[in-house]
Amino acid sequence: MFNLWGDLLSRDQALGILLVVAGILGIIIYGWLVFFTSWWAVVLQITAFVAIAAVLAIIAWIGYTLATTPPPKPIEEIEKEMEKELEESKPEEKATNPDATGNTKEKEGTKES
């Protein structure tokens, strides 16, 4: 069976076309309600309320996030932790790598000729 949508458009493209059509229809219906009906004042009041409520809800969400998120550690504390981890890993290197001590025959004064 021939499937026009499946053969010509991907799912994302079909959804995109649907959103464009819905957006244009929404604009036309909103314009008709505002300019050609007696409900224009109510429509504008609802629009203004929803727009302001959305902005204030975003501000409240940002405030809630800032109030409930713990502050980050100071950089000095992070540096101390990194230095401590580095010092703890050095003894492990020395135990597994005998050359990690830094002692060589040249440094000990027994240079071979």
Protein backbone atom coordinates (compact mmCIF):
# COMPACT_ATOMS: atom_id res chain seq x y z
CA MET A 1 0.00 0.00 0.00
CA PHE A 2 1.28 3.48 -0.86
CA ASN A 3 1.89 5.65 2.20
CA LEU A 4 2.20 9.30 1.19
CA TRP A 5 3.47 10.53 4.57
CA GLY A 6 5.89 7.63 5.07
CA ASP A 7 7.37 7.85 1.59
CA LEU A 8 7.70 11.61 1.21
CA LEU A 9 8.20 12.96 4.74
CA SER A 10 9.99 11.80 7.82
CA ARG A 11 8.14 11.80 11.12
CA ASP A 12 9.88 15.01 12.21
CA GLN A 13 8.95 16.79 8.99
CA ALA A 14 5.30 15.73 9.32
CA LEU A 15 5.25 16.99 12.92
CA GLY A 16 6.84 20.24 11.75
CA ILE A 17 4.14 20.77 9.12
CA LEU A 18 1.45 20.01 11.71
CA LEU A 19 2.94 22.60 14.09
CA VAL A 20 3.12 25.24 11.34
CA VAL A 21 -0.52 24.66 10.39
CA ALA A 22 -1.63 24.70 14.06
CA GLY A 23 0.30 27.92 14.67
CA ILE A 24 -1.24 29.67 11.66
CA LEU A 25 -4.74 28.52 12.64
CA GLY A 26 -4.12 29.74 16.19
CA ILE A 27 -3.10 33.18 14.91
CA ILE A 28 -6.19 33.40 12.70
CA ILE A 29 -8.55 32.32 15.51
CA TYR A 30 -6.91 34.66 18.02
CA GLY A 31 -7.12 37.58 15.56
CA TRP A 32 -10.78 36.84 14.87
CA LEU A 33 -11.53 36.68 18.63
CA VAL A 34 -9.75 39.99 19.32
CA PHE A 35 -10.93 42.03 16.32
CA PHE A 36 -14.28 40.63 15.23
CA THR A 37 -16.14 39.46 18.33
CA SER A 38 -17.57 41.13 21.41
CA TRP A 39 -15.26 38.96 23.53
CA TRP A 40 -12.16 41.00 22.64
CA ALA A 41 -11.75 42.49 26.16
CA VAL A 42 -11.96 39.10 27.87
CA VAL A 43 -9.54 37.54 25.36
CA LEU A 44 -7.00 40.34 25.93
CA GLN A 45 -7.39 40.06 29.71
CA ILE A 46 -6.82 36.31 29.60
CA THR A 47 -3.84 36.78 27.28
CA ALA A 48 -2.26 39.40 29.54
CA PHE A 49 -2.86 37.27 32.64
CA VAL A 50 -1.34 34.13 31.10
CA ALA A 51 1.69 36.04 29.78
CA ILE A 52 2.41 37.75 33.12
CA ALA A 53 1.74 34.53 35.06
CA ALA A 54 4.22 32.64 32.84
CA VAL A 55 6.96 35.23 33.38
CA LEU A 56 6.37 35.31 37.14
CA ALA A 57 6.30 31.50 37.32
CA ILE A 58 9.71 31.40 35.61
CA ILE A 59 11.06 33.97 38.09
CA ALA A 60 9.65 31.93 41.00
CA TRP A 61 11.21 28.74 39.62
CA ILE A 62 14.61 30.44 39.33
CA GLY A 63 14.28 31.73 42.90
CA TYR A 64 13.31 28.29 44.21
CA THR A 65 16.26 26.72 42.41
CA LEU A 66 18.68 29.29 43.86
CA ALA A 67 17.22 28.89 47.36
CA THR A 68 17.37 25.07 47.41
CA THR A 69 20.68 24.44 45.64
CA PRO A 70 23.65 24.15 48.02
CA PRO A 71 26.50 26.57 47.35
CA PRO A 72 29.56 25.21 45.58
CA LYS A 73 32.73 24.46 47.52
CA PRO A 74 35.33 27.24 47.61
CA ILE A 75 38.15 26.71 45.10
CA GLU A 76 40.70 26.53 47.94
CA GLU A 77 38.91 23.53 49.43
CA ILE A 78 38.82 21.77 46.07
CA GLU A 79 42.57 22.42 45.59
CA LYS A 80 43.33 20.96 49.05
CA GLU A 81 41.31 17.83 48.24
CA MET A 82 43.16 17.42 44.94
CA GLU A 83 46.55 17.80 46.63
CA LYS A 84 45.56 15.25 49.28
CA GLU A 85 44.47 12.75 46.62
CA LEU A 86 47.73 13.34 44.75
CA GLU A 87 49.80 12.72 47.89
CA GLU A 88 47.84 9.54 48.66
CA SER A 89 48.47 8.20 45.17
CA LYS A 90 52.26 8.81 45.32
CA PRO A 91 53.04 5.99 47.83
CA GLU A 92 51.12 3.58 45.61
CA GLU A 93 53.30 4.58 42.65
CA LYS A 94 56.49 4.03 44.66
CA ALA A 95 55.36 0.59 45.77
CA THR A 96 54.53 -0.51 42.24
CA ASN A 97 57.41 1.24 40.44
CA PRO A 98 60.85 0.83 42.02
CA ASP A 99 62.29 3.58 39.80
CA ALA A 100 59.87 6.12 41.25
CA THR A 101 62.21 6.75 44.24
CA GLY A 102 64.41 8.96 42.08
CA ASN A 103 67.62 7.23 43.24
CA THR A 104 69.95 6.32 40.43
CA LYS A 105 73.50 5.08 40.39
CA GLU A 106 74.75 8.46 39.19
CA LYS A 107 73.18 10.29 42.11
CA GLU A 108 74.65 7.85 44.62
CA GLY A 109 78.16 8.47 43.33
CA THR A 110 78.70 4.98 41.97
CA LYS A 111 78.82 5.93 38.32
CA GLU A 112 79.91 3.02 36.16
CA SER A 113 82.46 3.65 33.44
